Amino acid sequence: MSRRIDAGASLSRRMGPGSTSSRRRGDLPDSVMNAKAAPIVLENLETKKIVLVHGEGFGAWCWYKTISHLEEAGLDPVALDLTGSGIDHTDTNSIATLADYSKPLIDFLDKLPENEKVILVGHSCGGASVSYALEHCPKKISKAVFLTATMVQDGQRPFDVFSEELRSADVFLQESQFLLYGNGKDKPPTGLMFDKQQIKGLYFNQTPSKDMALAAVSMRPIPLAPIMEKLSLTPENYGTVRRYFIQTLDDHMLSPDAQEKLVRENPPDGIFKIKGGDHCPFFSKPQSLNKILLEIAQIQAPVTLLPGKEGTEETAAAES
């Protein structure tokens, strides 16, 4: 049973009837909305290190508010630039695979001390890099958090998550005016870049103007190959790490209904919601996001259950 907690202000007008999952049962008290959150006990955490993985077109720079909040709480946040993002100068047209794109994240995890684990937080298409890391480095990851992200299933492409918003892949690749052809018009497209008005409407409909200005001068073209690649995910690796999904309810890029479909088809261990949050809650709802991340950081690993008791621990937690 998933845990669901809401945070923030009013529901999006796009939140239609039937968009709340039927799996919602036994909600916890809404600690995120309490005026005074319970103080975090650092000694009780499985890990203090939180690795922040940006979404398409963004870079480590987009997490500046989140980093500040987490550091103030005593945690150790790290934001990475994926290949061709932020200050990584790799030509986005040369990024041919999700492995290429995710290499900075995998390299970081590989260099961790043997017994050290981290919490991964992936935003938007950064969820694909997080899923890739869960498959390849599961023993390095305590929990994975998907922030309105591409929490794909085995055999699914990150693009498929957005297919209801952007039409089918075939139609998109033939008709989209935002595609980039780094190898020439006679070759397949290599990247994607929305114009400023599209970005504002899709990503930043609740974001402060200063943060939109920062994004306007900082966002990079999106490498196309990684979001068109099908992921291979196994129960033995990907399936061993606890996953949490944070929904944003005024999201114009990945609608609330699309997010509900994601968590219904690939159920995580917990679901949290940010009311009034657009696709970039690290800008539009930074305090709500921070409270949820602290909440997730404090969730303890379930006790190993005796045979025949599967699900008891999770149900008990949801009813506490």
Protein backbone atom coordinates (compact mmCIF):
# COMPACT_ATOMS: atom_id res chain seq x y z
CA MET A 1 0.00 0.00 0.00
CA SER A 2 1.37 3.39 -0.96
CA ARG A 3 1.65 6.35 1.37
CA ARG A 4 0.13 9.60 0.07
CA ILE A 5 0.77 13.04 1.51
CA ASP A 6 -0.34 16.39 0.03
CA ALA A 7 1.53 19.68 0.29
CA GLY A 8 1.02 23.24 -0.93
CA ALA A 9 -1.88 25.29 -2.22
CA SER A 10 -4.88 24.83 -4.54
CA LEU A 11 -5.48 21.97 -6.97
CA SER A 12 -4.71 22.48 -10.62
CA ARG A 13 -7.64 23.12 -12.91
CA ARG A 14 -6.29 20.19 -14.93
CA MET A 15 -7.00 17.82 -12.05
CA GLY A 16 -10.13 16.17 -13.37
CA PRO A 17 -12.52 13.62 -11.89
CA GLY A 18 -11.11 10.14 -11.62
CA SER A 19 -7.53 11.36 -11.44
CA THR A 20 -7.09 10.16 -7.87
CA SER A 21 -5.95 6.54 -7.82
CA SER A 22 -8.24 3.88 -6.40
CA ARG A 23 -5.19 2.57 -4.51
CA ARG A 24 -5.51 5.44 -2.04
CA ARG A 25 -6.40 3.85 1.29
CA GLY A 26 -5.45 4.54 4.90
CA ASP A 27 -3.80 7.93 4.36
CA LEU A 28 -1.27 9.08 6.93
CA PRO A 29 -1.76 12.32 8.86
CA ASP A 30 -0.57 15.13 6.61
CA SER A 31 2.71 15.94 8.34
CA VAL A 32 3.81 17.99 5.34
CA MET A 33 1.06 20.52 6.01
CA ASN A 34 1.65 20.81 9.74
CA ALA A 35 2.74 24.30 10.78
CA LYS A 36 5.64 22.79 12.71
CA ALA A 37 7.24 19.75 11.13
CA ALA A 38 8.76 17.18 13.45
CA PRO A 39 12.49 17.86 13.84
CA ILE A 40 14.68 15.59 11.77
CA VAL A 41 16.83 13.20 13.82
CA LEU A 42 20.00 12.84 11.78
CA GLU A 43 21.17 9.82 13.74
CA ASN A 44 18.10 7.88 12.59
CA LEU A 45 18.75 8.38 8.89
CA GLU A 46 20.01 5.54 6.71
CA THR A 47 22.02 8.15 4.81
CA LYS A 48 22.44 11.92 4.80
CA LYS A 49 23.60 12.06 1.19
CA ILE A 50 20.95 12.98 -1.36
CA VAL A 51 21.93 13.01 -5.03
CA LEU A 52 19.83 15.36 -7.15
CA VAL A 53 19.43 14.39 -10.82
CA HIS A 54 18.05 17.10 -13.10
CA GLY A 55 15.58 16.64 -15.92
CA GLU A 56 15.82 17.28 -19.64
CA GLY A 57 17.45 20.57 -20.58
CA PHE A 58 18.31 21.44 -16.98
CA GLY A 59 21.51 21.06 -14.97
CA ALA A 60 22.72 20.96 -11.40
CA TRP A 61 21.94 24.70 -11.22
CA CYS A 62 18.17 24.08 -11.04
CA TRP A 63 18.46 22.58 -7.54
CA TYR A 64 19.92 25.66 -5.84
CA LYS A 65 16.93 26.19 -3.53
CA THR A 66 16.68 22.49 -2.68
CA ILE A 67 20.38 22.29 -1.88
CA SER A 68 20.09 25.24 0.50
CA HIS A 69 17.06 23.78 2.31
CA LEU A 70 18.59 20.32 2.67
CA GLU A 71 21.90 21.68 3.93
CA GLU A 72 20.07 23.76 6.54
CA ALA A 73 18.42 20.53 7.76
CA GLY A 74 21.83 18.88 8.18
CA LEU A 75 21.78 16.69 5.09
CA ASP A 76 24.47 16.36 2.43
CA PRO A 77 22.94 17.12 -1.00
CA VAL A 78 24.90 16.70 -4.22
CA ALA A 79 23.65 17.94 -7.59
CA LEU A 80 25.19 16.49 -10.74
CA ASP A 81 25.34 17.62 -14.36
CA LEU A 82 24.48 14.75 -16.67
CA THR A 83 26.35 14.51 -19.96
CA GLY A 84 25.75 17.54 -22.18
CA SER A 85 23.97 19.39 -19.37
CA GLY A 86 24.79 22.35 -17.16
CA ILE A 87 28.51 23.05 -17.36
CA ASP A 88 29.33 19.73 -19.03
CA HIS A 89 30.38 20.85 -22.49
CA THR A 90 29.68 17.60 -24.34
CA ASP A 91 27.84 18.26 -27.61
CA THR A 92 24.28 17.04 -27.04
CA ASN A 93 24.17 15.83 -30.65
CA SER A 94 26.87 13.26 -29.82
CA ILE A 95 24.95 11.59 -26.96
CA ALA A 96 23.79 8.29 -28.44
CA THR A 97 22.56 6.26 -25.45
CA LEU A 98 21.06 6.57 -21.99
CA ALA A 99 24.31 5.09 -20.67
CA ASP A 100 26.25 7.99 -22.24
CA TYR A 101 23.83 10.52 -20.79
CA SER A 102 23.81 8.96 -17.31
CA LYS A 103 27.57 8.35 -17.07
CA PRO A 104 28.27 11.15 -14.52
CA LEU A 105 25.69 9.61 -12.17
CA ILE A 106 27.01 6.06 -12.54
CA ASP A 107 30.60 7.26 -12.11
CA PHE A 108 29.61 9.07 -8.90
CA LEU A 109 27.90 5.96 -7.50
CA ASP A 110 30.80 3.71 -8.47
CA LYS A 111 33.22 5.91 -6.52
CA LEU A 112 31.25 5.80 -3.27
CA PRO A 113 32.82 3.93 -0.35
CA GLU A 114 31.78 0.28 -0.24
CA ASN A 115 29.20 0.60 2.54
CA GLU A 116 27.85 4.07 1.68
CA LYS A 117 24.40 4.50 0.17
CA VAL A 118 22.58 7.54 -1.18
CA ILE A 119 19.04 8.70 -1.85
CA LEU A 120 18.52 9.48 -5.54
CA VAL A 121 16.07 12.20 -6.58
CA GLY A 122 15.28 12.40 -10.29
CA HIS A 123 13.22 15.13 -11.95
CA SER A 124 11.26 14.65 -15.19
CA CYS A 125 13.35 12.66 -17.71
CA GLY A 126 16.04 12.43 -15.03
CA GLY A 127 13.83 9.62 -13.76
CA ALA A 128 15.18 7.46 -16.59
CA SER A 129 18.74 8.01 -15.37
CA VAL A 130 17.62 7.13 -11.84
CA SER A 131 15.96 3.94 -13.11
CA TYR A 132 19.13 3.11 -15.05
CA ALA A 133 21.15 3.59 -11.86
CA LEU A 134 18.76 1.37 -9.89
CA GLU A 135 19.40 -1.40 -12.39
CA HIS A 136 23.18 -0.99 -12.49
CA CYS A 137 24.07 0.15 -8.94
CA PRO A 138 21.24 -1.04 -6.65
CA LYS A 139 23.53 -1.69 -3.67
CA LYS A 140 24.59 1.97 -3.66
CA ILE A 141 21.05 3.34 -3.40
CA SER A 142 18.94 3.50 -0.24
CA LYS A 143 15.83 4.99 -1.85
CA ALA A 144 14.84 6.52 -5.18
CA VAL A 145 12.54 9.52 -5.48
CA PHE A 146 10.82 10.31 -8.77
CA LEU A 147 9.81 13.98 -8.89
CA THR A 148 7.06 14.20 -11.52
CA ALA A 149 9.45 11.96 -13.40
CA THR A 150 9.69 9.21 -15.99
CA MET A 151 9.33 6.23 -13.66
CA VAL A 152 9.34 3.77 -16.56
CA GLN A 153 8.66 0.06 -16.54
CA ASP A 154 10.81 -2.64 -18.11
CA GLY A 155 10.81 -2.24 -21.88
CA GLN A 156 9.40 1.30 -21.78
CA ARG A 157 10.98 4.49 -23.14
CA PRO A 158 11.06 7.76 -21.20
CA PHE A 159 9.27 9.36 -24.16
CA ASP A 160 6.35 6.96 -23.68
CA VAL A 161 5.53 8.65 -20.38
CA PHE A 162 4.87 11.90 -22.27
CA SER A 163 3.16 10.29 -25.27
CA GLU A 164 -0.30 11.47 -24.23
CA GLU A 165 1.01 15.03 -24.02
CA LEU A 166 3.25 15.01 -27.13
CA ARG A 167 1.49 12.45 -29.38
CA SER A 168 3.08 9.20 -30.56
CA ALA A 169 6.82 8.98 -31.07
CA ASP A 170 6.44 8.43 -34.83
CA VAL A 171 4.23 11.49 -35.27
CA PHE A 172 6.43 13.57 -32.97
CA LEU A 173 9.61 12.68 -34.87
CA GLN A 174 7.97 13.50 -38.20
CA GLU A 175 6.11 16.68 -37.32
CA SER A 176 7.65 18.39 -34.30
CA GLN A 177 9.04 21.84 -35.02
CA PHE A 178 11.31 21.65 -31.98
CA LEU A 179 13.65 18.90 -33.21
CA LEU A 180 17.36 19.51 -33.82
CA TYR A 181 19.34 17.83 -36.61
CA GLY A 182 22.95 17.94 -35.47
CA ASN A 183 24.07 15.48 -38.15
CA GLY A 184 22.17 17.11 -41.00
CA LYS A 185 18.55 17.30 -42.11
CA ASP A 186 18.92 14.05 -44.06
CA LYS A 187 19.80 12.16 -40.85
CA PRO A 188 17.60 11.30 -37.83
CA PRO A 189 17.07 14.11 -35.30
CA THR A 190 19.58 14.29 -32.46
CA GLY A 191 18.02 16.76 -30.04
CA LEU A 192 15.06 18.78 -28.93
CA MET A 193 14.65 22.38 -27.81
CA PHE A 194 11.36 24.09 -27.01
CA ASP A 195 11.07 27.83 -27.58
CA LYS A 196 10.81 30.18 -24.60
CA GLN A 197 7.03 30.50 -24.70
CA GLN A 198 6.58 26.74 -24.86
CA ILE A 199 8.98 26.24 -21.95
CA LYS A 200 7.16 28.85 -19.89
CA GLY A 201 3.77 27.24 -20.49
CA LEU A 202 4.89 23.63 -20.03
CA TYR A 203 7.43 23.87 -17.22
CA PHE A 204 7.03 27.17 -15.38
CA ASN A 205 3.32 28.05 -15.12
CA GLN A 206 3.67 28.63 -11.34
CA THR A 207 7.39 29.51 -11.22
CA PRO A 208 8.62 32.95 -10.04
CA SER A 209 9.86 35.23 -12.82
CA LYS A 210 13.43 35.32 -11.47
CA ASP A 211 13.71 31.55 -11.73
CA MET A 212 12.24 31.62 -15.24
CA ALA A 213 14.90 34.16 -16.19
CA LEU A 214 17.59 31.87 -14.74
CA ALA A 215 16.25 28.93 -16.73
CA ALA A 216 16.04 30.98 -19.93
CA VAL A 217 19.80 31.61 -19.90
CA SER A 218 20.80 28.20 -18.50
CA MET A 219 18.76 25.49 -20.23
CA ARG A 220 20.49 23.39 -22.88
CA PRO A 221 19.20 21.37 -25.83
CA ILE A 222 17.80 17.97 -24.88
CA PRO A 223 19.59 14.91 -26.33
CA LEU A 224 16.95 12.83 -28.07
CA ALA A 225 18.47 9.32 -28.03
CA PRO A 226 18.29 8.79 -24.23
CA ILE A 227 14.56 9.56 -24.06
CA MET A 228 13.82 7.27 -27.02
CA GLU A 229 15.69 4.28 -25.57
CA LYS A 230 13.84 1.34 -24.02
CA LEU A 231 15.08 0.46 -20.54
CA SER A 232 15.82 -3.08 -19.37
CA LEU A 233 14.84 -3.31 -15.69
CA THR A 234 14.87 -6.46 -13.56
CA PRO A 235 13.29 -7.42 -10.22
CA GLU A 236 16.73 -8.59 -9.03
CA ASN A 237 18.25 -5.10 -9.37
CA TYR A 238 15.77 -2.30 -10.05
CA GLY A 239 13.13 -4.09 -8.01
CA THR A 240 15.18 -4.24 -4.80
CA VAL A 241 15.26 -0.48 -4.12
CA ARG A 242 12.37 1.40 -2.50
CA ARG A 243 10.80 3.96 -4.82
CA TYR A 244 8.76 7.07 -3.99
CA PHE A 245 6.86 9.32 -6.39
CA ILE A 246 6.13 13.02 -5.89
CA GLN A 247 3.19 14.28 -7.91
CA THR A 248 2.75 17.93 -8.86
CA LEU A 249 -0.87 18.89 -9.32
CA ASP A 250 -0.60 22.01 -11.50
CA ASP A 251 1.80 20.36 -13.93
CA HIS A 252 1.36 21.23 -17.62
CA MET A 253 4.23 19.07 -18.88
CA LEU A 254 3.25 15.79 -17.22
CA SER A 255 -0.42 16.14 -16.34
CA PRO A 256 -1.83 14.89 -13.01
CA ASP A 257 -3.75 12.22 -14.91
CA ALA A 258 -0.54 11.03 -16.61
CA GLN A 259 1.19 10.95 -13.23
CA GLU A 260 -1.67 8.90 -11.78
CA LYS A 261 -1.33 6.46 -14.67
CA LEU A 262 2.39 6.13 -13.93
CA VAL A 263 1.93 5.22 -10.28
CA ARG A 264 -1.00 2.94 -11.08
CA GLU A 265 0.95 0.93 -13.66
CA ASN A 266 4.28 0.89 -11.79
CA PRO A 267 3.33 1.25 -8.10
CA PRO A 268 5.99 2.85 -5.88
CA ASP A 269 6.38 2.34 -2.13
CA GLY A 270 4.99 5.79 -1.38
CA ILE A 271 3.23 8.66 -3.13
CA PHE A 272 3.39 12.33 -2.12
CA LYS A 273 1.61 15.30 -3.70
CA ILE A 274 2.41 18.99 -4.05
CA LYS A 275 -0.71 21.07 -4.62
CA GLY A 276 -0.11 24.13 -6.77
CA GLY A 277 3.24 22.80 -7.95
CA ASP A 278 4.12 23.07 -11.63
CA HIS A 279 6.55 20.75 -13.41
CA CYS A 280 9.46 22.39 -11.56
CA PRO A 281 8.55 22.43 -7.86
CA PHE A 282 12.17 23.14 -6.93
CA PHE A 283 11.29 26.63 -8.23
CA SER A 284 7.54 26.92 -7.63
CA LYS A 285 7.16 25.04 -4.31
CA PRO A 286 10.66 24.65 -2.83
CA GLN A 287 9.58 24.46 0.81
CA SER A 288 6.91 21.85 0.13
CA LEU A 289 9.41 19.82 -1.86
CA ASN A 290 11.98 20.08 0.92
CA LYS A 291 9.50 18.89 3.55
CA ILE A 292 8.62 15.86 1.46
CA LEU A 293 12.28 14.98 0.83
CA LEU A 294 12.96 15.18 4.57
CA GLU A 295 9.91 12.98 5.17
CA ILE A 296 11.19 10.38 2.73
CA ALA A 297 14.73 10.53 4.12
CA GLN A 298 13.37 9.53 7.53
CA ILE A 299 11.40 6.50 6.33
CA GLN A 300 13.11 3.46 7.77
CA ALA A 301 13.80 0.25 5.89
CA PRO A 302 11.04 -2.31 6.49
CA VAL A 303 11.70 -5.10 8.94
CA THR A 304 12.32 -8.46 7.27
CA LEU A 305 9.03 -10.32 7.46
CA LEU A 306 8.49 -13.96 8.30
CA PRO A 307 7.19 -16.24 5.51
CA GLY A 308 3.49 -15.77 4.98
CA LYS A 309 3.50 -12.23 6.43
CA GLU A 310 4.24 -10.35 3.21
CA GLY A 311 2.69 -6.88 3.22
CA THR A 312 2.11 -6.71 6.97
CA GLU A 313 4.82 -4.14 7.63
CA GLU A 314 3.73 -1.89 4.78
CA THR A 315 0.07 -1.94 5.80
CA ALA A 316 0.93 -1.22 9.42
CA ALA A 317 3.04 1.76 8.36
CA ALA A 318 0.21 3.14 6.24
CA GLU A 319 -2.23 2.94 9.12
CA SER A 320 0.06 4.51 11.75
